[in-house]
Amino acid sequence: MTAKHPIDSLTTVTDLVLPGETNPLNNLFGGELLSRMDRAASIAARRHCRRIVVTASVNHVAFNKAVPTGSVVTIEAKVSRAFTSSMEVYIDVWIEDRESGFRTKANEGIYTFVAVDNTGSPIKVPEIDPQTELEKERFEGALRRKQLSLILAGRMKPTDAKELKALFLGE
């Protein structure tokens, strides 16, 4: 299986925040944003492996900035690392100033998807070959995040998490 570049999975979804999608403060509901992020991330994961994908976990979401009614929201998702059958997808959420058109990063998230066959069994996915400095940074971080997740789930011993240990102990 040939490795792919993160840009091959890039998915960009742009939409408008309507009043029916907002809370009493006139900001986009968090759940609505999560749903949009999940859809964009699932498309990115599917573009990477060209198979059916299912959401395995929402690893991280940061709601750093409110998204007001009327905002133009752009969600950018791309695979940051692929493991055997799973893929980490990094998602950036941007809002556009109505007058200047300047984009500000409002939120971000990291989701994990698993590629499956028609019976729902996990299948192998292509590796990722990061190109840019940001892609390389996210690629390296993905392994540490996976190790931490496995440790917390009791599926990996902390002593076996070499990359994670190196982060804290400088090894």
C-alpha atoms as a PDB file:
ATOM      1  CA  MET A   1       0.000   0.000   0.000  1.00  0.00           C
ATOM      2  CA  THR A   2       1.466   3.342  -1.042  1.00  0.00           C
ATOM      3  CA  ALA A   3       1.824   6.051   1.622  1.00  0.00           C
ATOM      4  CA  LYS A   4      -0.243   9.173   1.101  1.00  0.00           C
ATOM      5  CA  HIS A   5       0.298  12.814   1.977  1.00  0.00           C
ATOM      6  CA  PRO A   6      -1.998  14.581   4.469  1.00  0.00           C
ATOM      7  CA  ILE A   7      -3.016  17.062   1.765  1.00  0.00           C
ATOM      8  CA  ASP A   8      -4.586  14.148  -0.166  1.00  0.00           C
ATOM      9  CA  SER A   9      -7.257  13.911   2.524  1.00  0.00           C
ATOM     10  CA  LEU A  10      -7.844  17.647   2.973  1.00  0.00           C
ATOM     11  CA  THR A  11     -11.536  18.383   3.382  1.00  0.00           C
ATOM     12  CA  THR A  12     -12.855  21.918   3.627  1.00  0.00           C
ATOM     13  CA  VAL A  13     -16.453  22.601   4.613  1.00  0.00           C
ATOM     14  CA  THR A  14     -17.746  26.178   4.680  1.00  0.00           C
ATOM     15  CA  ASP A  15     -21.165  27.062   6.041  1.00  0.00           C
ATOM     16  CA  LEU A  16     -23.165  29.867   7.605  1.00  0.00           C
ATOM     17  CA  VAL A  17     -24.341  29.860  11.237  1.00  0.00           C
ATOM     18  CA  LEU A  18     -28.120  30.282  11.248  1.00  0.00           C
ATOM     19  CA  PRO A  19     -30.268  31.446  14.208  1.00  0.00           C
ATOM     20  CA  GLY A  20     -31.841  27.992  14.721  1.00  0.00           C
ATOM     21  CA  GLU A  21     -28.369  26.529  15.373  1.00  0.00           C
ATOM     22  CA  THR A  22     -27.504  28.863  18.228  1.00  0.00           C
ATOM     23  CA  ASN A  23     -27.873  29.016  21.994  1.00  0.00           C
ATOM     24  CA  PRO A  24     -29.507  31.856  24.011  1.00  0.00           C
ATOM     25  CA  LEU A  25     -26.261  33.866  23.657  1.00  0.00           C
ATOM     26  CA  ASN A  26     -26.626  33.665  19.867  1.00  0.00           C
ATOM     27  CA  ASN A  27     -23.548  31.468  19.486  1.00  0.00           C
ATOM     28  CA  LEU A  28     -23.358  28.177  17.615  1.00  0.00           C
ATOM     29  CA  PHE A  29     -24.285  25.188  19.801  1.00  0.00           C
ATOM     30  CA  GLY A  30     -21.211  23.135  20.699  1.00  0.00           C
ATOM     31  CA  GLY A  31     -22.987  19.969  19.615  1.00  0.00           C
ATOM     32  CA  GLU A  32     -23.753  21.471  16.220  1.00  0.00           C
ATOM     33  CA  LEU A  33     -20.084  22.330  15.760  1.00  0.00           C
ATOM     34  CA  LEU A  34     -19.049  18.815  16.843  1.00  0.00           C
ATOM     35  CA  SER A  35     -21.409  17.343  14.260  1.00  0.00           C
ATOM     36  CA  ARG A  36     -19.968  19.499  11.496  1.00  0.00           C
ATOM     37  CA  MET A  37     -16.438  18.594  12.581  1.00  0.00           C
ATOM     38  CA  ASP A  38     -17.307  14.875  12.602  1.00  0.00           C
ATOM     39  CA  ARG A  39     -18.691  15.031   9.061  1.00  0.00           C
ATOM     40  CA  ALA A  40     -15.637  16.876   7.709  1.00  0.00           C
ATOM     41  CA  ALA A  41     -13.255  14.527   9.531  1.00  0.00           C
ATOM     42  CA  SER A  42     -15.073  11.432   8.270  1.00  0.00           C
ATOM     43  CA  ILE A  43     -14.749  12.669   4.681  1.00  0.00           C
ATOM     44  CA  ALA A  44     -11.006  13.269   5.226  1.00  0.00           C
ATOM     45  CA  ALA A  45     -10.560   9.765   6.664  1.00  0.00           C
ATOM     46  CA  ARG A  46     -12.508   8.213   3.800  1.00  0.00           C
ATOM     47  CA  ARG A  47     -10.457  10.156   1.246  1.00  0.00           C
ATOM     48  CA  HIS A  48      -7.307   8.769   2.836  1.00  0.00           C
ATOM     49  CA  CYS A  49      -8.275   5.089   2.762  1.00  0.00           C
ATOM     50  CA  ARG A  50     -11.131   5.030   0.207  1.00  0.00           C
ATOM     51  CA  ARG A  51     -13.094   2.702   2.483  1.00  0.00           C
ATOM     52  CA  ILE A  52     -15.999   2.935   4.926  1.00  0.00           C
ATOM     53  CA  VAL A  53     -14.895   4.727   8.099  1.00  0.00           C
ATOM     54  CA  VAL A  54     -16.451   4.947  11.542  1.00  0.00           C
ATOM     55  CA  THR A  55     -15.771   7.416  14.320  1.00  0.00           C
ATOM     56  CA  ALA A  56     -13.801   5.620  17.025  1.00  0.00           C
ATOM     57  CA  SER A  57     -13.231   8.535  19.378  1.00  0.00           C
ATOM     58  CA  VAL A  58     -13.266  12.264  19.835  1.00  0.00           C
ATOM     59  CA  ASN A  59      -9.841  12.671  21.402  1.00  0.00           C
ATOM     60  CA  HIS A  60      -9.747  16.407  21.895  1.00  0.00           C
ATOM     61  CA  VAL A  61     -11.917  19.416  21.218  1.00  0.00           C
ATOM     62  CA  ALA A  62     -11.108  22.970  22.216  1.00  0.00           C
ATOM     63  CA  PHE A  63     -13.894  25.542  22.135  1.00  0.00           C
ATOM     64  CA  ASN A  64     -11.571  28.542  22.248  1.00  0.00           C
ATOM     65  CA  LYS A  65     -13.796  31.147  20.657  1.00  0.00           C
ATOM     66  CA  ALA A  66     -17.550  31.497  20.364  1.00  0.00           C
ATOM     67  CA  VAL A  67     -19.017  31.314  16.874  1.00  0.00           C
ATOM     68  CA  PRO A  68     -21.768  33.955  16.613  1.00  0.00           C
ATOM     69  CA  THR A  69     -24.928  33.858  14.499  1.00  0.00           C
ATOM     70  CA  GLY A  70     -24.252  34.912  10.933  1.00  0.00           C
ATOM     71  CA  SER A  71     -20.611  33.808  11.000  1.00  0.00           C
ATOM     72  CA  VAL A  72     -19.066  32.060   8.048  1.00  0.00           C
ATOM     73  CA  VAL A  73     -17.451  28.934   9.499  1.00  0.00           C
ATOM     74  CA  THR A  74     -14.799  26.960   7.656  1.00  0.00           C
ATOM     75  CA  ILE A  75     -13.788  23.525   8.912  1.00  0.00           C
ATOM     76  CA  GLU A  76     -10.558  22.051   7.590  1.00  0.00           C
ATOM     77  CA  ALA A  77      -9.812  18.398   8.303  1.00  0.00           C
ATOM     78  CA  LYS A  78      -6.985  16.139   7.223  1.00  0.00           C
ATOM     79  CA  VAL A  79      -5.444  12.883   8.344  1.00  0.00           C
ATOM     80  CA  SER A  80      -2.461  13.578  10.576  1.00  0.00           C
ATOM     81  CA  ARG A  81      -1.360   9.958  11.066  1.00  0.00           C
ATOM     82  CA  ALA A  82      -2.462   6.485  10.068  1.00  0.00           C
ATOM     83  CA  PHE A  83      -1.883   3.386  12.147  1.00  0.00           C
ATOM     84  CA  THR A  84      -2.892  -0.173  11.208  1.00  0.00           C
ATOM     85  CA  SER A  85      -6.617   0.414  10.669  1.00  0.00           C
ATOM     86  CA  SER A  86      -7.118   3.719  12.471  1.00  0.00           C
ATOM     87  CA  MET A  87      -6.480   7.290  11.410  1.00  0.00           C
ATOM     88  CA  GLU A  88      -6.094  10.400  13.508  1.00  0.00           C
ATOM     89  CA  VAL A  89      -7.775  13.382  11.861  1.00  0.00           C
ATOM     90  CA  TYR A  90      -6.853  16.908  12.941  1.00  0.00           C
ATOM     91  CA  ILE A  91      -9.563  19.533  12.494  1.00  0.00           C
ATOM     92  CA  ASP A  92      -9.160  23.323  12.453  1.00  0.00           C
ATOM     93  CA  VAL A  93     -12.225  25.573  12.718  1.00  0.00           C
ATOM     94  CA  TRP A  94     -12.018  29.099  11.330  1.00  0.00           C
ATOM     95  CA  ILE A  95     -14.464  31.980  11.470  1.00  0.00           C
ATOM     96  CA  GLU A  96     -14.466  34.787   8.959  1.00  0.00           C
ATOM     97  CA  ASP A  97     -14.931  38.431   9.895  1.00  0.00           C
ATOM     98  CA  ARG A  98     -18.024  39.682   8.085  1.00  0.00           C
ATOM     99  CA  GLU A  99     -16.479  42.972   6.998  1.00  0.00           C
ATOM    100  CA  SER A 100     -12.754  42.362   6.479  1.00  0.00           C
ATOM    101  CA  GLY A 101     -12.909  38.704   5.452  1.00  0.00           C
ATOM    102  CA  PHE A 102     -10.020  38.002   7.843  1.00  0.00           C
ATOM    103  CA  ARG A 103     -10.078  34.441   9.176  1.00  0.00           C
ATOM    104  CA  THR A 104      -9.488  33.640  12.852  1.00  0.00           C
ATOM    105  CA  LYS A 105      -8.902  30.171  14.238  1.00  0.00           C
ATOM    106  CA  ALA A 106     -11.768  29.589  16.640  1.00  0.00           C
ATOM    107  CA  ASN A 107     -11.551  25.923  17.583  1.00  0.00           C
ATOM    108  CA  GLU A 108      -9.765  22.669  16.885  1.00  0.00           C
ATOM    109  CA  GLY A 109     -10.280  18.998  17.417  1.00  0.00           C
ATOM    110  CA  ILE A 110      -8.712  15.597  16.996  1.00  0.00           C
ATOM    111  CA  TYR A 111     -10.864  12.615  16.061  1.00  0.00           C
ATOM    112  CA  THR A 112      -9.959   8.980  15.435  1.00  0.00           C
ATOM    113  CA  PHE A 113     -11.585   6.915  12.702  1.00  0.00           C
ATOM    114  CA  VAL A 114     -11.291   3.242  11.866  1.00  0.00           C
ATOM    115  CA  ALA A 115     -11.559   1.878   8.339  1.00  0.00           C
ATOM    116  CA  VAL A 116     -13.869  -1.124   8.076  1.00  0.00           C
ATOM    117  CA  ASP A 117     -15.019  -3.561   5.425  1.00  0.00           C
ATOM    118  CA  ASN A 118     -18.666  -4.239   4.546  1.00  0.00           C
ATOM    119  CA  THR A 119     -19.068  -6.459   7.610  1.00  0.00           C
ATOM    120  CA  GLY A 120     -17.687  -3.836  10.011  1.00  0.00           C
ATOM    121  CA  SER A 121     -14.314  -5.537  10.531  1.00  0.00           C
ATOM    122  CA  PRO A 122     -11.250  -3.245  10.702  1.00  0.00           C
ATOM    123  CA  ILE A 123      -9.019  -3.173   7.619  1.00  0.00           C
ATOM    124  CA  LYS A 124      -5.532  -1.860   6.912  1.00  0.00           C
ATOM    125  CA  VAL A 125      -5.080   1.742   5.774  1.00  0.00           C
ATOM    126  CA  PRO A 126      -2.222   3.456   3.901  1.00  0.00           C
ATOM    127  CA  GLU A 127       0.518   5.168   5.905  1.00  0.00           C
ATOM    128  CA  ILE A 128       0.949   8.945   6.004  1.00  0.00           C
ATOM    129  CA  ASP A 129       4.003  10.774   4.653  1.00  0.00           C
ATOM    130  CA  PRO A 130       3.863  14.295   6.164  1.00  0.00           C
ATOM    131  CA  GLN A 131       5.327  17.100   4.058  1.00  0.00           C
ATOM    132  CA  THR A 132       5.041  20.451   5.871  1.00  0.00           C
ATOM    133  CA  GLU A 133       6.451  21.315   9.288  1.00  0.00           C
ATOM    134  CA  LEU A 134       2.941  21.473  10.761  1.00  0.00           C
ATOM    135  CA  GLU A 135       2.080  18.076   9.251  1.00  0.00           C
ATOM    136  CA  LYS A 136       5.293  16.609  10.691  1.00  0.00           C
ATOM    137  CA  GLU A 137       4.538  18.094  14.129  1.00  0.00           C
ATOM    138  CA  ARG A 138       0.998  16.683  14.126  1.00  0.00           C
ATOM    139  CA  PHE A 139       2.273  13.323  12.815  1.00  0.00           C
ATOM    140  CA  GLU A 140       4.774  12.983  15.687  1.00  0.00           C
ATOM    141  CA  GLY A 141       2.225  14.150  18.261  1.00  0.00           C
ATOM    142  CA  ALA A 142      -0.292  11.558  17.069  1.00  0.00           C
ATOM    143  CA  LEU A 143       1.897   8.681  18.244  1.00  0.00           C
ATOM    144  CA  ARG A 144       2.258  10.222  21.714  1.00  0.00           C
ATOM    145  CA  ARG A 145      -1.505  10.820  21.888  1.00  0.00           C
ATOM    146  CA  LYS A 146      -2.169   7.215  20.883  1.00  0.00           C
ATOM    147  CA  GLN A 147       0.280   5.923  23.498  1.00  0.00           C
ATOM    148  CA  LEU A 148      -1.384   8.006  26.210  1.00  0.00           C
ATOM    149  CA  SER A 149      -4.806   6.730  25.165  1.00  0.00           C
ATOM    150  CA  LEU A 150      -3.599   3.116  25.271  1.00  0.00           C
ATOM    151  CA  ILE A 151      -2.052   3.630  28.715  1.00  0.00           C
ATOM    152  CA  LEU A 152      -5.256   5.165  30.078  1.00  0.00           C
ATOM    153  CA  ALA A 153      -7.255   2.252  28.624  1.00  0.00           C
ATOM    154  CA  GLY A 154      -4.928  -0.248  30.288  1.00  0.00           C
ATOM    155  CA  ARG A 155      -3.790  -1.619  26.925  1.00  0.00           C
ATOM    156  CA  MET A 156      -0.179  -0.395  27.163  1.00  0.00           C
ATOM    157  CA  LYS A 157       2.342  -0.240  29.983  1.00  0.00           C
ATOM    158  CA  PRO A 158       3.709   3.261  30.606  1.00  0.00           C
ATOM    159  CA  THR A 159       7.239   1.846  30.358  1.00  0.00           C
ATOM    160  CA  ASP A 160       6.530   0.765  26.763  1.00  0.00           C
ATOM    161  CA  ALA A 161       5.515   4.260  25.623  1.00  0.00           C
ATOM    162  CA  LYS A 162       8.974   5.360  24.464  1.00  0.00           C
ATOM    163  CA  GLU A 163       7.927   8.510  22.589  1.00  0.00           C
ATOM    164  CA  LEU A 164       5.657   9.642  25.407  1.00  0.00           C
ATOM    165  CA  LYS A 165       8.363   8.988  28.003  1.00  0.00           C
ATOM    166  CA  ALA A 166      10.869  10.962  25.939  1.00  0.00           C
ATOM    167  CA  LEU A 167       8.544  13.967  26.010  1.00  0.00           C
ATOM    168  CA  PHE A 168       8.604  14.073  29.810  1.00  0.00           C
ATOM    169  CA  LEU A 169      12.019  12.643  30.613  1.00  0.00           C
ATOM    170  CA  GLY A 170      13.996  13.992  27.671  1.00  0.00           C
ATOM    171  CA  GLU A 171      15.163  10.497  26.723  1.00  0.00           C
END
